[in-house]
Amino acid sequence: ADQGIRSIRGMGLMIALEFDKPCTELVSLAMDQGLLINVTADNVARLLPPLILKDEEADLLVQKLVTTVRSRG
């Protein structure tokens, strides 16, 4: 399921997930998974991974992000 995601976009390593409703609770849910994200415009979650991100770390980031978004309900 799309979990209310309206769009996914990025530039470089910056990734933005736009939701169809406010998603500010994702900040604390992501922190529980060890991810540091921020929310802009109430409905856009933004990730800014380091430029030295390894492939294994990127895979783990995606797994944790999926878990975080799904835990939102």
N, C-alpha and C. Protein backbone atom coordinates (compact mmCIF):
# COMPACT_ATOMS: atom_id res chain seq x y z
N ALA A 1 0.84 -1.19 0.00
CA ALA A 1 0.00 0.00 0.00
C ALA A 1 0.88 1.24 0.00
N ASP A 2 0.31 2.33 -0.41
CA ASP A 2 1.09 3.56 -0.54
C ASP A 2 1.23 4.32 0.78
N GLN A 3 0.50 3.93 1.82
CA GLN A 3 0.59 4.55 3.14
C GLN A 3 0.34 6.05 3.10
N GLY A 4 -0.46 6.51 2.15
CA GLY A 4 -0.78 7.92 2.06
C GLY A 4 0.29 8.77 1.41
N ILE A 5 1.26 8.13 0.76
CA ILE A 5 2.34 8.87 0.10
C ILE A 5 1.82 9.41 -1.22
N ARG A 6 1.90 10.73 -1.38
CA ARG A 6 1.45 11.39 -2.60
C ARG A 6 2.55 11.40 -3.65
N SER A 7 3.79 11.65 -3.22
CA SER A 7 4.91 11.64 -4.18
C SER A 7 6.22 11.41 -3.43
N ILE A 8 7.20 10.93 -4.18
CA ILE A 8 8.57 10.76 -3.69
C ILE A 8 9.46 11.48 -4.67
N ARG A 9 10.33 12.34 -4.15
CA ARG A 9 11.22 13.09 -5.03
C ARG A 9 12.58 13.23 -4.36
N GLY A 10 13.56 13.60 -5.15
CA GLY A 10 14.88 13.76 -4.59
C GLY A 10 15.79 14.57 -5.47
N MET A 11 16.89 15.00 -4.86
CA MET A 11 17.95 15.69 -5.57
C MET A 11 19.25 15.29 -4.87
N GLY A 12 20.17 14.71 -5.63
CA GLY A 12 21.35 14.16 -4.99
C GLY A 12 20.91 13.06 -4.05
N LEU A 13 21.38 13.11 -2.81
CA LEU A 13 20.95 12.12 -1.82
C LEU A 13 19.75 12.58 -1.00
N MET A 14 19.32 13.83 -1.16
CA MET A 14 18.16 14.31 -0.42
C MET A 14 16.90 13.65 -0.97
N ILE A 15 16.10 13.11 -0.07
CA ILE A 15 14.87 12.41 -0.44
C ILE A 15 13.71 13.07 0.29
N ALA A 16 12.62 13.30 -0.43
CA ALA A 16 11.42 13.87 0.18
C ALA A 16 10.23 12.97 -0.12
N LEU A 17 9.46 12.70 0.92
CA LEU A 17 8.22 11.93 0.79
C LEU A 17 7.07 12.88 1.11
N GLU A 18 6.21 13.13 0.14
CA GLU A 18 5.06 13.99 0.38
C GLU A 18 3.85 13.13 0.68
N PHE A 19 3.21 13.40 1.81
CA PHE A 19 2.04 12.63 2.24
C PHE A 19 0.76 13.40 1.96
N ASP A 20 -0.36 12.69 1.96
CA ASP A 20 -1.64 13.33 1.69
C ASP A 20 -2.25 13.99 2.92
N LYS A 21 -1.60 13.86 4.08
CA LYS A 21 -2.04 14.54 5.30
C LYS A 21 -0.81 14.84 6.16
N PRO A 22 -0.94 15.65 7.19
CA PRO A 22 0.22 15.98 8.03
C PRO A 22 0.94 14.73 8.54
N CYS A 23 2.26 14.84 8.62
CA CYS A 23 3.06 13.68 9.01
C CYS A 23 4.11 14.02 10.07
N THR A 24 3.83 15.03 10.88
CA THR A 24 4.83 15.48 11.86
C THR A 24 5.21 14.39 12.86
N GLU A 25 4.31 13.42 13.09
CA GLU A 25 4.63 12.35 14.04
C GLU A 25 5.75 11.44 13.53
N LEU A 26 6.06 11.53 12.24
CA LEU A 26 7.14 10.70 11.68
C LEU A 26 8.50 11.03 12.28
N VAL A 27 8.69 12.26 12.74
CA VAL A 27 9.99 12.64 13.31
C VAL A 27 10.31 11.74 14.51
N SER A 28 9.36 11.60 15.43
CA SER A 28 9.63 10.76 16.61
C SER A 28 9.61 9.27 16.27
N LEU A 29 8.75 8.86 15.35
CA LEU A 29 8.74 7.45 14.94
C LEU A 29 10.06 7.08 14.26
N ALA A 30 10.58 7.97 13.44
CA ALA A 30 11.87 7.72 12.78
C ALA A 30 13.00 7.67 13.80
N MET A 31 12.94 8.56 14.78
CA MET A 31 13.97 8.58 15.83
C MET A 31 14.01 7.24 16.56
N ASP A 32 12.83 6.64 16.78
CA ASP A 32 12.76 5.32 17.42
C ASP A 32 13.49 4.26 16.58
N GLN A 33 13.56 4.46 15.27
CA GLN A 33 14.26 3.55 14.35
C GLN A 33 15.72 3.95 14.14
N GLY A 34 16.15 5.04 14.79
CA GLY A 34 17.52 5.50 14.63
C GLY A 34 17.72 6.39 13.41
N LEU A 35 16.62 6.92 12.86
CA LEU A 35 16.72 7.81 11.70
C LEU A 35 16.46 9.25 12.14
N LEU A 36 17.20 10.16 11.55
CA LEU A 36 17.00 11.58 11.81
C LEU A 36 16.40 12.19 10.55
N ILE A 37 15.13 12.59 10.65
CA ILE A 37 14.44 13.23 9.52
C ILE A 37 13.84 14.53 10.01
N ASN A 38 13.39 15.34 9.07
CA ASN A 38 12.60 16.50 9.46
C ASN A 38 11.37 16.57 8.57
N VAL A 39 10.40 17.35 9.01
CA VAL A 39 9.15 17.51 8.27
C VAL A 39 8.99 18.98 7.93
N THR A 40 8.69 19.24 6.67
CA THR A 40 8.44 20.60 6.21
C THR A 40 7.02 20.67 5.66
N ALA A 41 6.44 21.85 5.71
CA ALA A 41 5.09 22.09 5.19
C ALA A 41 4.07 21.11 5.77
N ASP A 42 4.31 20.59 6.95
CA ASP A 42 3.43 19.66 7.67
C ASP A 42 3.24 18.29 7.02
N ASN A 43 3.51 18.16 5.72
CA ASN A 43 3.23 16.88 5.08
C ASN A 43 4.36 16.35 4.20
N VAL A 44 5.56 16.90 4.37
CA VAL A 44 6.71 16.43 3.59
C VAL A 44 7.82 15.99 4.54
N ALA A 45 8.13 14.70 4.52
CA ALA A 45 9.24 14.17 5.32
C ALA A 45 10.50 14.22 4.47
N ARG A 46 11.57 14.73 5.06
CA ARG A 46 12.81 14.93 4.30
C ARG A 46 13.96 14.20 4.98
N LEU A 47 14.72 13.46 4.18
CA LEU A 47 15.91 12.76 4.65
C LEU A 47 17.12 13.36 3.96
N LEU A 48 18.17 13.56 4.73
CA LEU A 48 19.41 14.12 4.20
C LEU A 48 20.58 13.24 4.61
N PRO A 49 20.74 12.08 3.97
CA PRO A 49 21.83 11.18 4.35
C PRO A 49 23.19 11.78 3.98
N PRO A 50 24.24 11.34 4.66
CA PRO A 50 25.58 11.87 4.36
C PRO A 50 26.05 11.45 2.97
N LEU A 51 26.91 12.25 2.40
CA LEU A 51 27.45 11.95 1.07
C LEU A 51 28.31 10.69 1.05
N ILE A 52 28.80 10.28 2.20
CA ILE A 52 29.66 9.09 2.28
C ILE A 52 28.86 7.83 2.62
N LEU A 53 27.58 7.84 2.34
CA LEU A 53 26.69 6.72 2.61
C LEU A 53 27.11 5.49 1.81
N LYS A 54 27.28 4.37 2.49
CA LYS A 54 27.64 3.11 1.83
C LYS A 54 26.37 2.39 1.38
N ASP A 55 26.51 1.48 0.42
CA ASP A 55 25.36 0.73 -0.10
C ASP A 55 24.61 0.00 1.01
N GLU A 56 25.34 -0.63 1.92
CA GLU A 56 24.70 -1.37 3.01
C GLU A 56 23.91 -0.43 3.91
N GLU A 57 24.46 0.76 4.15
CA GLU A 57 23.77 1.75 4.98
C GLU A 57 22.52 2.26 4.28
N ALA A 58 22.59 2.42 2.96
CA ALA A 58 21.42 2.86 2.20
C ALA A 58 20.31 1.81 2.28
N ASP A 59 20.68 0.54 2.17
CA ASP A 59 19.70 -0.54 2.28
C ASP A 59 19.03 -0.53 3.66
N LEU A 60 19.83 -0.35 4.70
CA LEU A 60 19.30 -0.30 6.06
C LEU A 60 18.39 0.92 6.25
N LEU A 61 18.79 2.04 5.69
CA LEU A 61 17.98 3.26 5.77
C LEU A 61 16.60 3.02 5.16
N VAL A 62 16.56 2.39 3.99
CA VAL A 62 15.29 2.12 3.31
C VAL A 62 14.43 1.18 4.16
N GLN A 63 15.03 0.13 4.72
CA GLN A 63 14.28 -0.80 5.56
C GLN A 63 13.66 -0.08 6.76
N LYS A 64 14.47 0.76 7.41
CA LYS A 64 13.98 1.49 8.58
C LYS A 64 12.92 2.52 8.20
N LEU A 65 13.09 3.14 7.05
CA LEU A 65 12.11 4.11 6.60
C LEU A 65 10.77 3.44 6.31
N VAL A 66 10.80 2.28 5.67
CA VAL A 66 9.57 1.53 5.40
C VAL A 66 8.88 1.16 6.72
N THR A 67 9.65 0.67 7.68
CA THR A 67 9.10 0.33 8.99
C THR A 67 8.46 1.54 9.65
N THR A 68 9.14 2.68 9.57
CA THR A 68 8.64 3.91 10.17
C THR A 68 7.33 4.35 9.54
N VAL A 69 7.28 4.37 8.22
CA VAL A 69 6.07 4.83 7.53
C VAL A 69 4.91 3.87 7.80
N ARG A 70 5.18 2.59 7.80
CA ARG A 70 4.11 1.60 8.06
C ARG A 70 3.60 1.69 9.49
N SER A 71 4.46 2.05 10.44
CA SER A 71 4.05 2.12 11.84
C SER A 71 3.11 3.29 12.09
N ARG A 72 3.03 4.17 11.13
CA ARG A 72 2.19 5.36 11.23
C ARG A 72 0.70 5.00 11.23
N GLY A 73 0.38 3.85 10.66
CA GLY A 73 -1.00 3.41 10.69
C GLY A 73 -1.82 3.70 9.53
